[in-house]
Amino acid sequence: MLKATDEAFDYISKTTKKNPIQVLVEAIENSAPREDVIRLQRGGVVYNSAVDIAPIQRLDEALKNIALATFKATFKARKDISTALAEELIAASKNDQKSFAVKRKDEIERIAQGSR
């Protein structure tokens, strides 16, 4: 996996002319959800409530979604894992809706907003 990450960072630096670590940080910032939904039960009634997410959980969720997007892009396609990771990081750093991680963050936050 280290080789794939190195190749992805090389691809990012060639295509964007930016520091790949900065692109990674921006991608994590743009794909980390701020709110989530939990299930509460009072008596026999179960309902959803929106809560703020802890910083470490935000980081975990962002990295999980980026990894899932990379896996999904390489599953049935003839795409290299390093290229898929680089394209996902670039799209997420631009806050592009083509990014799976950004779409997932927006979906989580939309559901949480509806549960307020």
PDB file of N, CA and C in Angstrom:
ATOM      1  N   MET A   1       0.822  -1.201   0.000  1.00  0.00           N
ATOM      2  CA  MET A   1       0.000   0.000   0.000  1.00  0.00           C
ATOM      3  C   MET A   1       0.856   1.251   0.000  1.00  0.00           C
ATOM      4  N   LEU A   2       2.047   1.147   0.563  1.00  0.00           N
ATOM      5  CA  LEU A   2       2.934   2.302   0.600  1.00  0.00           C
ATOM      6  C   LEU A   2       3.338   2.720  -0.805  1.00  0.00           C
ATOM      7  N   LYS A   3       3.561   1.747  -1.684  1.00  0.00           N
ATOM      8  CA  LYS A   3       3.924   2.057  -3.054  1.00  0.00           C
ATOM      9  C   LYS A   3       2.778   2.772  -3.768  1.00  0.00           C
ATOM     10  N   ALA A   4       1.572   2.323  -3.543  1.00  0.00           N
ATOM     11  CA  ALA A   4       0.411   2.955  -4.176  1.00  0.00           C
ATOM     12  C   ALA A   4       0.251   4.392  -3.698  1.00  0.00           C
ATOM     13  N   THR A   5       0.499   4.628  -2.417  1.00  0.00           N
ATOM     14  CA  THR A   5       0.402   5.986  -1.871  1.00  0.00           C
ATOM     15  C   THR A   5       1.474   6.878  -2.470  1.00  0.00           C
ATOM     16  N   ASP A   6       2.691   6.376  -2.575  1.00  0.00           N
ATOM     17  CA  ASP A   6       3.771   7.158  -3.186  1.00  0.00           C
ATOM     18  C   ASP A   6       3.452   7.495  -4.635  1.00  0.00           C
ATOM     19  N   GLU A   7       2.946   6.515  -5.385  1.00  0.00           N
ATOM     20  CA  GLU A   7       2.582   6.768  -6.771  1.00  0.00           C
ATOM     21  C   GLU A   7       1.430   7.763  -6.875  1.00  0.00           C
ATOM     22  N   ALA A   8       0.481   7.681  -5.949  1.00  0.00           N
ATOM     23  CA  ALA A   8      -0.638   8.625  -5.947  1.00  0.00           C
ATOM     24  C   ALA A   8      -0.142  10.040  -5.655  1.00  0.00           C
ATOM     25  N   PHE A   9       0.771  10.177  -4.705  1.00  0.00           N
ATOM     26  CA  PHE A   9       1.316  11.505  -4.386  1.00  0.00           C
ATOM     27  C   PHE A   9       2.123  12.059  -5.557  1.00  0.00           C
ATOM     28  N   ASP A  10       2.861  11.209  -6.280  1.00  0.00           N
ATOM     29  CA  ASP A  10       3.578  11.654  -7.475  1.00  0.00           C
ATOM     30  C   ASP A  10       2.599  12.143  -8.536  1.00  0.00           C
ATOM     31  N   TYR A  11       1.515  11.395  -8.727  1.00  0.00           N
ATOM     32  CA  TYR A  11       0.478  11.780  -9.696  1.00  0.00           C
ATOM     33  C   TYR A  11      -0.149  13.121  -9.317  1.00  0.00           C
ATOM     34  N   ILE A  12      -0.412  13.313  -8.029  1.00  0.00           N
ATOM     35  CA  ILE A  12      -1.009  14.565  -7.559  1.00  0.00           C
ATOM     36  C   ILE A  12      -0.066  15.736  -7.808  1.00  0.00           C
ATOM     37  N   SER A  13       1.208  15.565  -7.484  1.00  0.00           N
ATOM     38  CA  SER A  13       2.146  16.676  -7.658  1.00  0.00           C
ATOM     39  C   SER A  13       2.349  17.015  -9.130  1.00  0.00           C
ATOM     40  N   LYS A  14       2.286  16.011 -10.025  1.00  0.00           N
ATOM     41  CA  LYS A  14       2.439  16.283 -11.455  1.00  0.00           C
ATOM     42  C   LYS A  14       1.221  16.967 -12.042  1.00  0.00           C
ATOM     43  N   THR A  15       0.029  16.561 -11.625  1.00  0.00           N
ATOM     44  CA  THR A  15      -1.187  17.102 -12.242  1.00  0.00           C
ATOM     45  C   THR A  15      -1.622  18.426 -11.640  1.00  0.00           C
ATOM     46  N   THR A  16      -1.442  18.614 -10.336  1.00  0.00           N
ATOM     47  CA  THR A  16      -1.938  19.840  -9.703  1.00  0.00           C
ATOM     48  C   THR A  16      -0.848  20.861  -9.431  1.00  0.00           C
ATOM     49  N   LYS A  17       0.419  20.449  -9.491  1.00  0.00           N
ATOM     50  CA  LYS A  17       1.555  21.324  -9.167  1.00  0.00           C
ATOM     51  C   LYS A  17       1.465  21.857  -7.742  1.00  0.00           C
ATOM     52  N   LYS A  18       0.832  21.085  -6.863  1.00  0.00           N
ATOM     53  CA  LYS A  18       0.703  21.435  -5.457  1.00  0.00           C
ATOM     54  C   LYS A  18       1.365  20.355  -4.616  1.00  0.00           C
ATOM     55  N   ASN A  19       1.627  20.679  -3.360  1.00  0.00           N
ATOM     56  CA  ASN A  19       2.178  19.710  -2.427  1.00  0.00           C
ATOM     57  C   ASN A  19       1.122  18.632  -2.172  1.00  0.00           C
ATOM     58  N   PRO A  20       1.435  17.362  -2.369  1.00  0.00           N
ATOM     59  CA  PRO A  20       0.429  16.303  -2.186  1.00  0.00           C
ATOM     60  C   PRO A  20      -0.074  16.183  -0.750  1.00  0.00           C
ATOM     61  N   ILE A  21       0.760  16.538   0.215  1.00  0.00           N
ATOM     62  CA  ILE A  21       0.307  16.493   1.611  1.00  0.00           C
ATOM     63  C   ILE A  21      -0.759  17.560   1.851  1.00  0.00           C
ATOM     64  N   GLN A  22      -0.583  18.730   1.226  1.00  0.00           N
ATOM     65  CA  GLN A  22      -1.590  19.785   1.345  1.00  0.00           C
ATOM     66  C   GLN A  22      -2.893  19.356   0.685  1.00  0.00           C
ATOM     67  N   VAL A  23      -2.800  18.664  -0.442  1.00  0.00           N
ATOM     68  CA  VAL A  23      -4.001  18.161  -1.115  1.00  0.00           C
ATOM     69  C   VAL A  23      -4.704  17.141  -0.219  1.00  0.00           C
ATOM     70  N   LEU A  24      -3.928  16.270   0.444  1.00  0.00           N
ATOM     71  CA  LEU A  24      -4.501  15.287   1.376  1.00  0.00           C
ATOM     72  C   LEU A  24      -5.211  15.977   2.532  1.00  0.00           C
ATOM     73  N   VAL A  25      -4.593  17.002   3.106  1.00  0.00           N
ATOM     74  CA  VAL A  25      -5.202  17.723   4.229  1.00  0.00           C
ATOM     75  C   VAL A  25      -6.488  18.415   3.792  1.00  0.00           C
ATOM     76  N   GLU A  26      -6.471  19.052   2.619  1.00  0.00           N
ATOM     77  CA  GLU A  26      -7.685  19.710   2.113  1.00  0.00           C
ATOM     78  C   GLU A  26      -8.788  18.692   1.827  1.00  0.00           C
ATOM     79  N   ALA A  27      -8.407  17.518   1.317  1.00  0.00           N
ATOM     80  CA  ALA A  27      -9.392  16.478   1.037  1.00  0.00           C
ATOM     81  C   ALA A  27     -10.041  15.988   2.331  1.00  0.00           C
ATOM     82  N   ILE A  28      -9.241  15.825   3.374  1.00  0.00           N
ATOM     83  CA  ILE A  28      -9.794  15.388   4.657  1.00  0.00           C
ATOM     84  C   ILE A  28     -10.702  16.462   5.241  1.00  0.00           C
ATOM     85  N   GLU A  29     -10.296  17.731   5.141  1.00  0.00           N
ATOM     86  CA  GLU A  29     -11.136  18.824   5.645  1.00  0.00           C
ATOM     87  C   GLU A  29     -12.477  18.867   4.933  1.00  0.00           C
ATOM     88  N   ASN A  30     -12.471  18.676   3.619  1.00  0.00           N
ATOM     89  CA  ASN A  30     -13.701  18.786   2.837  1.00  0.00           C
ATOM     90  C   ASN A  30     -14.586  17.548   2.913  1.00  0.00           C
ATOM     91  N   SER A  31     -14.045  16.422   3.353  1.00  0.00           N
ATOM     92  CA  SER A  31     -14.856  15.209   3.393  1.00  0.00           C
ATOM     93  C   SER A  31     -15.171  14.743   4.811  1.00  0.00           C
ATOM     94  N   ALA A  32     -14.864  15.547   5.815  1.00  0.00           N
ATOM     95  CA  ALA A  32     -15.152  15.185   7.201  1.00  0.00           C
ATOM     96  C   ALA A  32     -16.496  15.802   7.621  1.00  0.00           C
ATOM     97  N   PRO A  33     -17.473  14.967   7.968  1.00  0.00           N
ATOM     98  CA  PRO A  33     -18.782  15.502   8.373  1.00  0.00           C
ATOM     99  C   PRO A  33     -18.714  16.173   9.745  1.00  0.00           C
ATOM    100  N   ARG A  34     -19.558  17.200   9.946  1.00  0.00           N
ATOM    101  CA  ARG A  34     -19.586  17.922  11.211  1.00  0.00           C
ATOM    102  C   ARG A  34     -20.695  17.436  12.140  1.00  0.00           C
ATOM    103  N   GLU A  35     -21.738  16.853  11.558  1.00  0.00           N
ATOM    104  CA  GLU A  35     -22.872  16.361  12.344  1.00  0.00           C
ATOM    105  C   GLU A  35     -23.209  14.935  11.923  1.00  0.00           C
ATOM    106  N   ASP A  36     -23.822  14.219  12.837  1.00  0.00           N
ATOM    107  CA  ASP A  36     -24.287  12.869  12.546  1.00  0.00           C
ATOM    108  C   ASP A  36     -25.592  12.644  13.295  1.00  0.00           C
ATOM    109  N   VAL A  37     -26.200  11.510  13.075  1.00  0.00           N
ATOM    110  CA  VAL A  37     -27.482  11.177  13.693  1.00  0.00           C
ATOM    111  C   VAL A  37     -27.278  10.001  14.632  1.00  0.00           C
ATOM    112  N   ILE A  38     -27.880  10.093  15.827  1.00  0.00           N
ATOM    113  CA  ILE A  38     -27.892   8.958  16.744  1.00  0.00           C
ATOM    114  C   ILE A  38     -29.341   8.591  17.031  1.00  0.00           C
ATOM    115  N   ARG A  39     -29.541   7.357  17.457  1.00  0.00           N
ATOM    116  CA  ARG A  39     -30.889   6.892  17.806  1.00  0.00           C
ATOM    117  C   ARG A  39     -31.051   6.968  19.313  1.00  0.00           C
ATOM    118  N   LEU A  40     -32.093   7.632  19.753  1.00  0.00           N
ATOM    119  CA  LEU A  40     -32.415   7.740  21.171  1.00  0.00           C
ATOM    120  C   LEU A  40     -33.720   7.006  21.437  1.00  0.00           C
ATOM    121  N   GLN A  41     -33.823   6.432  22.638  1.00  0.00           N
ATOM    122  CA  GLN A  41     -35.043   5.728  23.009  1.00  0.00           C
ATOM    123  C   GLN A  41     -35.509   6.239  24.365  1.00  0.00           C
ATOM    124  N   ARG A  42     -36.741   6.636  24.406  1.00  0.00           N
ATOM    125  CA  ARG A  42     -37.374   7.046  25.664  1.00  0.00           C
ATOM    126  C   ARG A  42     -38.647   6.245  25.804  1.00  0.00           C
ATOM    127  N   GLY A  43     -38.632   5.381  26.776  1.00  0.00           N
ATOM    128  CA  GLY A  43     -39.785   4.497  26.934  1.00  0.00           C
ATOM    129  C   GLY A  43     -39.832   3.546  25.751  1.00  0.00           C
ATOM    130  N   GLY A  44     -40.916   3.583  25.032  1.00  0.00           N
ATOM    131  CA  GLY A  44     -41.055   2.729  23.858  1.00  0.00           C
ATOM    132  C   GLY A  44     -40.883   3.489  22.563  1.00  0.00           C
ATOM    133  N   VAL A  45     -40.527   4.758  22.647  1.00  0.00           N
ATOM    134  CA  VAL A  45     -40.414   5.597  21.463  1.00  0.00           C
ATOM    135  C   VAL A  45     -38.942   5.740  21.084  1.00  0.00           C
ATOM    136  N   VAL A  46     -38.635   5.458  19.832  1.00  0.00           N
ATOM    137  CA  VAL A  46     -37.279   5.609  19.313  1.00  0.00           C
ATOM    138  C   VAL A  46     -37.287   6.745  18.295  1.00  0.00           C
ATOM    139  N   TYR A  47     -36.353   7.687  18.443  1.00  0.00           N
ATOM    140  CA  TYR A  47     -36.259   8.777  17.485  1.00  0.00           C
ATOM    141  C   TYR A  47     -34.802   9.136  17.247  1.00  0.00           C
ATOM    142  N   ASN A  48     -34.558   9.823  16.143  1.00  0.00           N
ATOM    143  CA  ASN A  48     -33.210  10.227  15.765  1.00  0.00           C
ATOM    144  C   ASN A  48     -32.942  11.651  16.243  1.00  0.00           C
ATOM    145  N   SER A  49     -31.690  11.911  16.596  1.00  0.00           N
ATOM    146  CA  SER A  49     -31.292  13.240  17.039  1.00  0.00           C
ATOM    147  C   SER A  49     -29.939  13.585  16.427  1.00  0.00           C
ATOM    148  N   ALA A  50     -29.778  14.822  16.000  1.00  0.00           N
ATOM    149  CA  ALA A  50     -28.519  15.273  15.415  1.00  0.00           C
ATOM    150  C   ALA A  50     -27.535  15.625  16.531  1.00  0.00           C
ATOM    151  N   VAL A  51     -26.282  15.213  16.358  1.00  0.00           N
ATOM    152  CA  VAL A  51     -25.226  15.511  17.330  1.00  0.00           C
ATOM    153  C   VAL A  51     -23.969  15.945  16.577  1.00  0.00           C
ATOM    154  N   ASP A  52     -23.121  16.722  17.263  1.00  0.00           N
ATOM    155  CA  ASP A  52     -21.828  17.089  16.711  1.00  0.00           C
ATOM    156  C   ASP A  52     -20.898  15.886  16.797  1.00  0.00           C
ATOM    157  N   ILE A  53     -19.978  15.796  15.856  1.00  0.00           N
ATOM    158  CA  ILE A  53     -19.045  14.680  15.810  1.00  0.00           C
ATOM    159  C   ILE A  53     -17.716  15.110  16.414  1.00  0.00           C
ATOM    160  N   ALA A  54     -17.109  14.218  17.192  1.00  0.00           N
ATOM    161  CA  ALA A  54     -15.798  14.468  17.782  1.00  0.00           C
ATOM    162  C   ALA A  54     -14.744  14.577  16.668  1.00  0.00           C
ATOM    163  N   PRO A  55     -13.686  15.351  16.890  1.00  0.00           N
ATOM    164  CA  PRO A  55     -12.673  15.538  15.839  1.00  0.00           C
ATOM    165  C   PRO A  55     -12.025  14.243  15.348  1.00  0.00           C
ATOM    166  N   ILE A  56     -11.725  13.318  16.242  1.00  0.00           N
ATOM    167  CA  ILE A  56     -11.089  12.075  15.804  1.00  0.00           C
ATOM    168  C   ILE A  56     -12.062  11.228  14.999  1.00  0.00           C
ATOM    169  N   GLN A  57     -13.338  11.277  15.327  1.00  0.00           N
ATOM    170  CA  GLN A  57     -14.340  10.544  14.560  1.00  0.00           C
ATOM    171  C   GLN A  57     -14.527  11.176  13.179  1.00  0.00           C
ATOM    172  N   ARG A  58     -14.417  12.503  13.098  1.00  0.00           N
ATOM    173  CA  ARG A  58     -14.480  13.185  11.802  1.00  0.00           C
ATOM    174  C   ARG A  58     -13.345  12.719  10.906  1.00  0.00           C
ATOM    175  N   LEU A  59     -12.144  12.644  11.482  1.00  0.00           N
ATOM    176  CA  LEU A  59     -10.980  12.190  10.728  1.00  0.00           C
ATOM    177  C   LEU A  59     -11.157  10.749  10.272  1.00  0.00           C
ATOM    178  N   ASP A  60     -11.612   9.892  11.175  1.00  0.00           N
ATOM    179  CA  ASP A  60     -11.830   8.486  10.834  1.00  0.00           C
ATOM    180  C   ASP A  60     -12.857   8.332   9.720  1.00  0.00           C
ATOM    181  N   GLU A  61     -13.936   9.073   9.814  1.00  0.00           N
ATOM    182  CA  GLU A  61     -14.998   8.990   8.808  1.00  0.00           C
ATOM    183  C   GLU A  61     -14.499   9.482   7.446  1.00  0.00           C
ATOM    184  N   ALA A  62     -13.713  10.559   7.434  1.00  0.00           N
ATOM    185  CA  ALA A  62     -13.187  11.093   6.180  1.00  0.00           C
ATOM    186  C   ALA A  62     -12.231  10.097   5.521  1.00  0.00           C
ATOM    187  N   LEU A  63     -11.322   9.521   6.303  1.00  0.00           N
ATOM    188  CA  LEU A  63     -10.379   8.548   5.750  1.00  0.00           C
ATOM    189  C   LEU A  63     -11.092   7.286   5.278  1.00  0.00           C
ATOM    190  N   LYS A  64     -12.122   6.868   6.016  1.00  0.00           N
ATOM    191  CA  LYS A  64     -12.893   5.687   5.610  1.00  0.00           C
ATOM    192  C   LYS A  64     -13.580   5.928   4.272  1.00  0.00           C
ATOM    193  N   ASN A  65     -14.185   7.100   4.106  1.00  0.00           N
ATOM    194  CA  ASN A  65     -14.890   7.398   2.862  1.00  0.00           C
ATOM    195  C   ASN A  65     -13.933   7.531   1.679  1.00  0.00           C
ATOM    196  N   ILE A  66     -12.734   8.085   1.910  1.00  0.00           N
ATOM    197  CA  ILE A  66     -11.744   8.184   0.841  1.00  0.00           C
ATOM    198  C   ILE A  66     -11.276   6.782   0.432  1.00  0.00           C
ATOM    199  N   ALA A  67     -11.052   5.916   1.416  1.00  0.00           N
ATOM    200  CA  ALA A  67     -10.635   4.545   1.112  1.00  0.00           C
ATOM    201  C   ALA A  67     -11.740   3.775   0.392  1.00  0.00           C
ATOM    202  N   LEU A  68     -12.987   3.947   0.817  1.00  0.00           N
ATOM    203  CA  LEU A  68     -14.104   3.282   0.140  1.00  0.00           C
ATOM    204  C   LEU A  68     -14.243   3.762  -1.299  1.00  0.00           C
ATOM    205  N   ALA A  69     -14.036   5.048  -1.515  1.00  0.00           N
ATOM    206  CA  ALA A  69     -14.131   5.589  -2.870  1.00  0.00           C
ATOM    207  C   ALA A  69     -13.046   5.009  -3.763  1.00  0.00           C
ATOM    208  N   THR A  70     -11.849   4.862  -3.217  1.00  0.00           N
ATOM    209  CA  THR A  70     -10.753   4.279  -3.985  1.00  0.00           C
ATOM    210  C   THR A  70     -11.050   2.823  -4.330  1.00  0.00           C
ATOM    211  N   PHE A  71     -11.526   2.066  -3.354  1.00  0.00           N
ATOM    212  CA  PHE A  71     -11.883   0.667  -3.593  1.00  0.00           C
ATOM    213  C   PHE A  71     -12.996   0.546  -4.625  1.00  0.00           C
ATOM    214  N   LYS A  72     -14.000   1.398  -4.492  1.00  0.00           N
ATOM    215  CA  LYS A  72     -15.139   1.363  -5.408  1.00  0.00           C
ATOM    216  C   LYS A  72     -14.704   1.689  -6.840  1.00  0.00           C
ATOM    217  N   ALA A  73     -13.765   2.626  -6.990  1.00  0.00           N
ATOM    218  CA  ALA A  73     -13.315   3.019  -8.327  1.00  0.00           C
ATOM    219  C   ALA A  73     -12.481   1.932  -8.993  1.00  0.00           C
ATOM    220  N   THR A  74     -11.827   1.071  -8.222  1.00  0.00           N
ATOM    221  CA  THR A  74     -10.968   0.037  -8.803  1.00  0.00           C
ATOM    222  C   THR A  74     -11.624  -1.339  -8.829  1.00  0.00           C
ATOM    223  N   PHE A  75     -12.814  -1.466  -8.316  1.00  0.00           N
ATOM    224  CA  PHE A  75     -13.413  -2.791  -8.158  1.00  0.00           C
ATOM    225  C   PHE A  75     -13.658  -3.494  -9.482  1.00  0.00           C
ATOM    226  N   LYS A  76     -14.432  -2.897 -10.376  1.00  0.00           N
ATOM    227  CA  LYS A  76     -14.738  -3.543 -11.648  1.00  0.00           C
ATOM    228  C   LYS A  76     -14.180  -2.757 -12.830  1.00  0.00           C
ATOM    229  N   ALA A  77     -13.263  -1.858 -12.564  1.00  0.00           N
ATOM    230  CA  ALA A  77     -12.685  -1.050 -13.629  1.00  0.00           C
ATOM    231  C   ALA A  77     -11.217  -1.423 -13.815  1.00  0.00           C
ATOM    232  N   ARG A  78     -10.688  -1.065 -14.927  1.00  0.00           N
ATOM    233  CA  ARG A  78      -9.271  -1.300 -15.199  1.00  0.00           C
ATOM    234  C   ARG A  78      -8.464  -0.073 -14.785  1.00  0.00           C
ATOM    235  N   LYS A  79      -8.687   0.361 -13.566  1.00  0.00           N
ATOM    236  CA  LYS A  79      -7.996   1.545 -13.063  1.00  0.00           C
ATOM    237  C   LYS A  79      -7.030   1.124 -11.969  1.00  0.00           C
ATOM    238  N   ASP A  80      -5.861   1.714 -11.987  1.00  0.00           N
ATOM    239  CA  ASP A  80      -4.843   1.433 -10.987  1.00  0.00           C
ATOM    240  C   ASP A  80      -5.254   2.052  -9.650  1.00  0.00           C
ATOM    241  N   ILE A  81      -4.894   1.410  -8.547  1.00  0.00           N
ATOM    242  CA  ILE A  81      -5.292   1.907  -7.228  1.00  0.00           C
ATOM    243  C   ILE A  81      -4.660   3.258  -6.936  1.00  0.00           C
ATOM    244  N   SER A  82      -3.435   3.477  -7.391  1.00  0.00           N
ATOM    245  CA  SER A  82      -2.784   4.758  -7.124  1.00  0.00           C
ATOM    246  C   SER A  82      -3.467   5.886  -7.894  1.00  0.00           C
ATOM    247  N   THR A  83      -3.878   5.617  -9.117  1.00  0.00           N
ATOM    248  CA  THR A  83      -4.589   6.626  -9.905  1.00  0.00           C
ATOM    249  C   THR A  83      -5.951   6.930  -9.293  1.00  0.00           C
ATOM    250  N   ALA A  84      -6.660   5.900  -8.865  1.00  0.00           N
ATOM    251  CA  ALA A  84      -7.972   6.103  -8.249  1.00  0.00           C
ATOM    252  C   ALA A  84      -7.853   6.907  -6.957  1.00  0.00           C
ATOM    253  N   LEU A  85      -6.840   6.602  -6.134  1.00  0.00           N
ATOM    254  CA  LEU A  85      -6.626   7.348  -4.892  1.00  0.00           C
ATOM    255  C   LEU A  85      -6.285   8.801  -5.188  1.00  0.00           C
ATOM    256  N   ALA A  86      -5.430   9.031  -6.153  1.00  0.00           N
ATOM    257  CA  ALA A  86      -5.044  10.396  -6.498  1.00  0.00           C
ATOM    258  C   ALA A  86      -6.236  11.197  -7.013  1.00  0.00           C
ATOM    259  N   GLU A  87      -7.039  10.596  -7.886  1.00  0.00           N
ATOM    260  CA  GLU A  87      -8.204  11.304  -8.421  1.00  0.00           C
ATOM    261  C   GLU A  87      -9.226  11.611  -7.330  1.00  0.00           C
ATOM    262  N   GLU A  88      -9.415  10.692  -6.398  1.00  0.00           N
ATOM    263  CA  GLU A  88     -10.344  10.938  -5.289  1.00  0.00           C
ATOM    264  C   GLU A  88      -9.833  12.064  -4.389  1.00  0.00           C
ATOM    265  N   LEU A  89      -8.541  12.053  -4.090  1.00  0.00           N
ATOM    266  CA  LEU A  89      -7.976  13.113  -3.242  1.00  0.00           C
ATOM    267  C   LEU A  89      -8.060  14.476  -3.925  1.00  0.00           C
ATOM    268  N   ILE A  90      -7.791  14.525  -5.214  1.00  0.00           N
ATOM    269  CA  ILE A  90      -7.868  15.792  -5.944  1.00  0.00           C
ATOM    270  C   ILE A  90      -9.303  16.303  -5.966  1.00  0.00           C
ATOM    271  N   ALA A  91     -10.258  15.423  -6.250  1.00  0.00           N
ATOM    272  CA  ALA A  91     -11.667  15.837  -6.290  1.00  0.00           C
ATOM    273  C   ALA A  91     -12.149  16.284  -4.915  1.00  0.00           C
ATOM    274  N   ALA A  92     -11.761  15.559  -3.872  1.00  0.00           N
ATOM    275  CA  ALA A  92     -12.188  15.933  -2.520  1.00  0.00           C
ATOM    276  C   ALA A  92     -11.521  17.226  -2.066  1.00  0.00           C
ATOM    277  N   SER A  93     -10.288  17.476  -2.480  1.00  0.00           N
ATOM    278  CA  SER A  93      -9.618  18.710  -2.068  1.00  0.00           C
ATOM    279  C   SER A  93     -10.248  19.926  -2.732  1.00  0.00           C
ATOM    280  N   LYS A  94     -10.858  19.725  -3.901  1.00  0.00           N
ATOM    281  CA  LYS A  94     -11.553  20.815  -4.594  1.00  0.00           C
ATOM    282  C   LYS A  94     -13.008  20.934  -4.153  1.00  0.00           C
ATOM    283  N   ASN A  95     -13.438  20.068  -3.226  1.00  0.00           N
ATOM    284  CA  ASN A  95     -14.826  20.025  -2.751  1.00  0.00           C
ATOM    285  C   ASN A  95     -15.787  19.765  -3.913  1.00  0.00           C
ATOM    286  N   ASP A  96     -15.368  18.916  -4.824  1.00  0.00           N
ATOM    287  CA  ASP A  96     -16.120  18.584  -6.019  1.00  0.00           C
ATOM    288  C   ASP A  96     -17.170  17.521  -5.694  1.00  0.00           C
ATOM    289  N   GLN A  97     -18.347  17.650  -6.263  1.00  0.00           N
ATOM    290  CA  GLN A  97     -19.412  16.680  -6.018  1.00  0.00           C
ATOM    291  C   GLN A  97     -19.185  15.349  -6.721  1.00  0.00           C
ATOM    292  N   LYS A  98     -18.167  15.256  -7.580  1.00  0.00           N
ATOM    293  CA  LYS A  98     -17.817  13.972  -8.186  1.00  0.00           C
ATOM    294  C   LYS A  98     -17.114  13.065  -7.187  1.00  0.00           C
ATOM    295  N   SER A  99     -16.640  13.638  -6.094  1.00  0.00           N
ATOM    296  CA  SER A  99     -15.949  12.861  -5.071  1.00  0.00           C
ATOM    297  C   SER A  99     -16.967  12.098  -4.221  1.00  0.00           C
ATOM    298  N   PHE A 100     -16.727  10.803  -4.052  1.00  0.00           N
ATOM    299  CA  PHE A 100     -17.614   9.974  -3.230  1.00  0.00           C
ATOM    300  C   PHE A 100     -17.593  10.448  -1.780  1.00  0.00           C
ATOM    301  N   ALA A 101     -16.423  10.811  -1.265  1.00  0.00           N
ATOM    302  CA  ALA A 101     -16.292  11.226   0.134  1.00  0.00           C
ATOM    303  C   ALA A 101     -17.059  12.515   0.402  1.00  0.00           C
ATOM    304  N   VAL A 102     -17.018  13.455  -0.522  1.00  0.00           N
ATOM    305  CA  VAL A 102     -17.742  14.719  -0.348  1.00  0.00           C
ATOM    306  C   VAL A 102     -19.246  14.477  -0.444  1.00  0.00           C
ATOM    307  N   LYS A 103     -19.673  13.633  -1.384  1.00  0.00           N
ATOM    308  CA  LYS A 103     -21.103  13.312  -1.486  1.00  0.00           C
ATOM    309  C   LYS A 103     -21.605  12.634  -0.219  1.00  0.00           C
ATOM    310  N   ARG A 104     -20.805  11.736   0.331  1.00  0.00           N
ATOM    311  CA  ARG A 104     -21.195  11.025   1.559  1.00  0.00           C
ATOM    312  C   ARG A 104     -21.289  11.996   2.728  1.00  0.00           C
ATOM    313  N   LYS A 105     -20.345  12.941   2.834  1.00  0.00           N
ATOM    314  CA  LYS A 105     -20.389  13.948   3.902  1.00  0.00           C
ATOM    315  C   LYS A 105     -21.659  14.789   3.789  1.00  0.00           C
ATOM    316  N   ASP A 106     -21.966  15.242   2.578  1.00  0.00           N
ATOM    317  CA  ASP A 106     -23.173  16.046   2.375  1.00  0.00           C
ATOM    318  C   ASP A 106     -24.435  15.267   2.723  1.00  0.00           C
ATOM    319  N   GLU A 107     -24.448  13.979   2.402  1.00  0.00           N
ATOM    320  CA  GLU A 107     -25.600  13.144   2.722  1.00  0.00           C
ATOM    321  C   GLU A 107     -25.776  12.988   4.235  1.00  0.00           C
ATOM    322  N   ILE A 108     -24.687  12.751   4.940  1.00  0.00           N
ATOM    323  CA  ILE A 108     -24.741  12.607   6.405  1.00  0.00           C
ATOM    324  C   ILE A 108     -25.236  13.900   7.042  1.00  0.00           C
ATOM    325  N   GLU A 109     -24.707  15.023   6.601  1.00  0.00           N
ATOM    326  CA  GLU A 109     -25.110  16.313   7.169  1.00  0.00           C
ATOM    327  C   GLU A 109     -26.545  16.666   6.822  1.00  0.00           C
ATOM    328  N   ARG A 110     -27.020  16.275   5.638  1.00  0.00           N
ATOM    329  CA  ARG A 110     -28.409  16.537   5.256  1.00  0.00           C
ATOM    330  C   ARG A 110     -29.371  15.733   6.123  1.00  0.00           C
ATOM    331  N   ILE A 111     -29.013  14.478   6.388  1.00  0.00           N
ATOM    332  CA  ILE A 111     -29.848  13.641   7.249  1.00  0.00           C
ATOM    333  C   ILE A 111     -29.857  14.207   8.670  1.00  0.00           C
ATOM    334  N   ALA A 112     -28.709  14.666   9.143  1.00  0.00           N
ATOM    335  CA  ALA A 112     -28.634  15.230  10.492  1.00  0.00           C
ATOM    336  C   ALA A 112     -29.449  16.522  10.590  1.00  0.00           C
ATOM    337  N   GLN A 113     -29.432  17.327   9.553  1.00  0.00           N
ATOM    338  CA  GLN A 113     -30.212  18.557   9.567  1.00  0.00           C
ATOM    339  C   GLN A 113     -31.703  18.255   9.617  1.00  0.00           C
ATOM    340  N   GLY A 114     -32.124  17.187   8.957  1.00  0.00           N
ATOM    341  CA  GLY A 114     -33.521  16.794   9.001  1.00  0.00           C
ATOM    342  C   GLY A 114     -33.954  16.223  10.348  1.00  0.00           C
ATOM    343  N   SER A 115     -32.986  15.823  11.164  1.00  0.00           N
ATOM    344  CA  SER A 115     -33.306  15.217  12.459  1.00  0.00           C
ATOM    345  C   SER A 115     -33.255  16.201  13.621  1.00  0.00           C
ATOM    346  N   ARG A 116     -33.050  17.458  13.323  1.00  0.00           N
ATOM    347  CA  ARG A 116     -32.988  18.450  14.406  1.00  0.00           C
ATOM    348  C   ARG A 116     -34.323  18.683  15.034  1.00  0.00           C
TER     349      ARG A 116
END
